[in-house]
Amino acid sequence: MKFSFHPEAKEELLEAINYFEECRAGLGIEFSKEVFSTIQRIIHFPAAWSKFSENTRRCLTNRFPFGVIYQVIEEEVTIIAVMQLNREPDYWKKRIK
């Protein structure tokens, strides 16, 4: 199964990587690895996480307070948001199809 990012989700990811890298050298890379590890779990078990909305699911990262919100459409996982858990909870809903 392949995956893709909604353009705004990709931007969120890059912003978070830059933020963590500014906090401590190497932390941005660690965050990036954690997010991509989470995406790999999603690809292998796309239905394992409970529904977050009618057409989306959320998988939490292990180390950082972030969730990956995604949809499975046909044989592709679309990453809708890389969401900081203490952020406004529904900001990403305008992105779903």
C-alpha atoms as a PDB file:
ATOM      1  CA  MET A   1       0.000   0.000   0.000  1.00  0.00           C
ATOM      2  CA  LYS A   2       1.314   3.462  -0.821  1.00  0.00           C
ATOM      3  CA  PHE A   3       0.772   6.756   0.986  1.00  0.00           C
ATOM      4  CA  SER A   4       0.650  10.434   0.199  1.00  0.00           C
ATOM      5  CA  PHE A   5       0.359  13.676   2.131  1.00  0.00           C
ATOM      6  CA  HIS A   6      -2.297  16.332   1.821  1.00  0.00           C
ATOM      7  CA  PRO A   7      -0.236  19.459   0.970  1.00  0.00           C
ATOM      8  CA  GLU A   8      -1.107  21.124   4.288  1.00  0.00           C
ATOM      9  CA  ALA A   9      -0.186  17.967   6.216  1.00  0.00           C
ATOM     10  CA  LYS A  10       3.207  17.925   4.532  1.00  0.00           C
ATOM     11  CA  GLU A  11       3.697  21.566   5.495  1.00  0.00           C
ATOM     12  CA  GLU A  12       2.708  20.761   9.108  1.00  0.00           C
ATOM     13  CA  LEU A  13       5.227  17.967   9.228  1.00  0.00           C
ATOM     14  CA  LEU A  14       8.030  20.168   7.915  1.00  0.00           C
ATOM     15  CA  GLU A  15       7.150  22.960  10.355  1.00  0.00           C
ATOM     16  CA  ALA A  16       7.184  20.537  13.284  1.00  0.00           C
ATOM     17  CA  ILE A  17      10.521  19.054  12.181  1.00  0.00           C
ATOM     18  CA  ASN A  18      12.009  22.556  12.006  1.00  0.00           C
ATOM     19  CA  TYR A  19      10.565  23.467  15.407  1.00  0.00           C
ATOM     20  CA  PHE A  20      12.010  20.385  17.109  1.00  0.00           C
ATOM     21  CA  GLU A  21      15.354  20.885  15.360  1.00  0.00           C
ATOM     22  CA  GLU A  22      15.499  24.453  16.732  1.00  0.00           C
ATOM     23  CA  CYS A  23      14.773  23.085  20.217  1.00  0.00           C
ATOM     24  CA  ARG A  24      17.670  20.647  20.062  1.00  0.00           C
ATOM     25  CA  ALA A  25      19.962  19.535  17.255  1.00  0.00           C
ATOM     26  CA  GLY A  26      18.853  16.110  16.009  1.00  0.00           C
ATOM     27  CA  LEU A  27      15.414  16.237  17.651  1.00  0.00           C
ATOM     28  CA  GLY A  28      13.762  17.161  14.350  1.00  0.00           C
ATOM     29  CA  ILE A  29      15.211  14.042  12.733  1.00  0.00           C
ATOM     30  CA  GLU A  30      14.023  11.930  15.665  1.00  0.00           C
ATOM     31  CA  PHE A  31      10.530  13.404  15.284  1.00  0.00           C
ATOM     32  CA  SER A  32      10.571  12.710  11.547  1.00  0.00           C
ATOM     33  CA  LYS A  33      11.557   9.076  12.155  1.00  0.00           C
ATOM     34  CA  GLU A  34       8.748   8.705  14.697  1.00  0.00           C
ATOM     35  CA  VAL A  35       6.146  10.084  12.278  1.00  0.00           C
ATOM     36  CA  PHE A  36       7.309   7.812   9.454  1.00  0.00           C
ATOM     37  CA  SER A  37       7.327   4.834  11.826  1.00  0.00           C
ATOM     38  CA  THR A  38       3.714   5.693  12.669  1.00  0.00           C
ATOM     39  CA  ILE A  39       2.874   5.861   8.960  1.00  0.00           C
ATOM     40  CA  GLN A  40       4.423   2.414   8.461  1.00  0.00           C
ATOM     41  CA  ARG A  41       2.172   1.035  11.224  1.00  0.00           C
ATOM     42  CA  ILE A  42      -0.801   2.605   9.460  1.00  0.00           C
ATOM     43  CA  ILE A  43       0.191   1.085   6.096  1.00  0.00           C
ATOM     44  CA  HIS A  44       0.533  -2.388   7.605  1.00  0.00           C
ATOM     45  CA  PHE A  45      -2.675  -2.178   9.678  1.00  0.00           C
ATOM     46  CA  PRO A  46      -4.859   0.583   8.179  1.00  0.00           C
ATOM     47  CA  ALA A  47      -8.023  -0.418  10.042  1.00  0.00           C
ATOM     48  CA  ALA A  48      -6.369  -0.952  13.437  1.00  0.00           C
ATOM     49  CA  TRP A  49      -7.210   2.468  14.862  1.00  0.00           C
ATOM     50  CA  SER A  50     -10.707   3.585  15.689  1.00  0.00           C
ATOM     51  CA  LYS A  51     -12.500   6.092  13.530  1.00  0.00           C
ATOM     52  CA  PHE A  52     -11.756   9.700  14.325  1.00  0.00           C
ATOM     53  CA  SER A  53     -14.535  11.008  12.092  1.00  0.00           C
ATOM     54  CA  GLU A  54     -16.760   9.359   9.514  1.00  0.00           C
ATOM     55  CA  ASN A  55     -13.979   8.948   6.931  1.00  0.00           C
ATOM     56  CA  THR A  56     -10.799   9.290   8.970  1.00  0.00           C
ATOM     57  CA  ARG A  57      -8.767   7.473  11.585  1.00  0.00           C
ATOM     58  CA  ARG A  58      -6.032   8.664  13.946  1.00  0.00           C
ATOM     59  CA  CYS A  59      -2.866   6.881  14.998  1.00  0.00           C
ATOM     60  CA  LEU A  60      -0.811   8.418  17.802  1.00  0.00           C
ATOM     61  CA  THR A  61       2.962   8.661  17.688  1.00  0.00           C
ATOM     62  CA  ASN A  62       4.766   6.888  20.511  1.00  0.00           C
ATOM     63  CA  ARG A  63       7.178   9.544  21.704  1.00  0.00           C
ATOM     64  CA  PHE A  64       5.784  12.931  20.707  1.00  0.00           C
ATOM     65  CA  PRO A  65       2.324  14.418  21.426  1.00  0.00           C
ATOM     66  CA  PHE A  66       1.171  14.100  17.817  1.00  0.00           C
ATOM     67  CA  GLY A  67      -1.395  12.091  15.933  1.00  0.00           C
ATOM     68  CA  VAL A  68      -1.431  11.154  12.263  1.00  0.00           C
ATOM     69  CA  ILE A  69      -4.920  11.599  10.835  1.00  0.00           C
ATOM     70  CA  TYR A  70      -5.492   9.625   7.662  1.00  0.00           C
ATOM     71  CA  GLN A  71      -7.979   8.223   5.174  1.00  0.00           C
ATOM     72  CA  VAL A  72      -7.751   5.028   3.196  1.00  0.00           C
ATOM     73  CA  ILE A  73      -9.087   5.508  -0.317  1.00  0.00           C
ATOM     74  CA  GLU A  74      -8.875   2.422  -2.464  1.00  0.00           C
ATOM     75  CA  GLU A  75      -5.302   1.185  -1.918  1.00  0.00           C
ATOM     76  CA  GLU A  76      -3.749   4.455  -0.782  1.00  0.00           C
ATOM     77  CA  VAL A  77      -3.345   6.012   2.650  1.00  0.00           C
ATOM     78  CA  THR A  78      -3.751   9.781   2.511  1.00  0.00           C
ATOM     79  CA  ILE A  79      -2.252  11.654   5.442  1.00  0.00           C
ATOM     80  CA  ILE A  80      -4.724  14.439   6.213  1.00  0.00           C
ATOM     81  CA  ALA A  81      -2.885  15.972   9.169  1.00  0.00           C
ATOM     82  CA  VAL A  82       0.137  15.579  11.402  1.00  0.00           C
ATOM     83  CA  MET A  83      -1.696  16.967  14.380  1.00  0.00           C
ATOM     84  CA  GLN A  84      -0.250  18.325  17.587  1.00  0.00           C
ATOM     85  CA  LEU A  85      -2.604  16.886  20.204  1.00  0.00           C
ATOM     86  CA  ASN A  86      -3.090  20.112  22.135  1.00  0.00           C
ATOM     87  CA  ARG A  87      -4.011  22.090  19.019  1.00  0.00           C
ATOM     88  CA  GLU A  88      -7.556  23.012  18.016  1.00  0.00           C
ATOM     89  CA  PRO A  89      -9.077  19.548  17.489  1.00  0.00           C
ATOM     90  CA  ASP A  90     -11.119  20.072  14.299  1.00  0.00           C
ATOM     91  CA  TYR A  91      -8.901  22.395  12.248  1.00  0.00           C
ATOM     92  CA  TRP A  92      -8.080  19.656   9.707  1.00  0.00           C
ATOM     93  CA  LYS A  93     -11.678  18.723   8.814  1.00  0.00           C
ATOM     94  CA  LYS A  94     -11.795  21.117   5.846  1.00  0.00           C
ATOM     95  CA  ARG A  95      -9.096  18.936   4.206  1.00  0.00           C
ATOM     96  CA  ILE A  96     -11.095  15.712   3.946  1.00  0.00           C
ATOM     97  CA  LYS A  97     -12.897  14.647   0.809  1.00  0.00           C
END
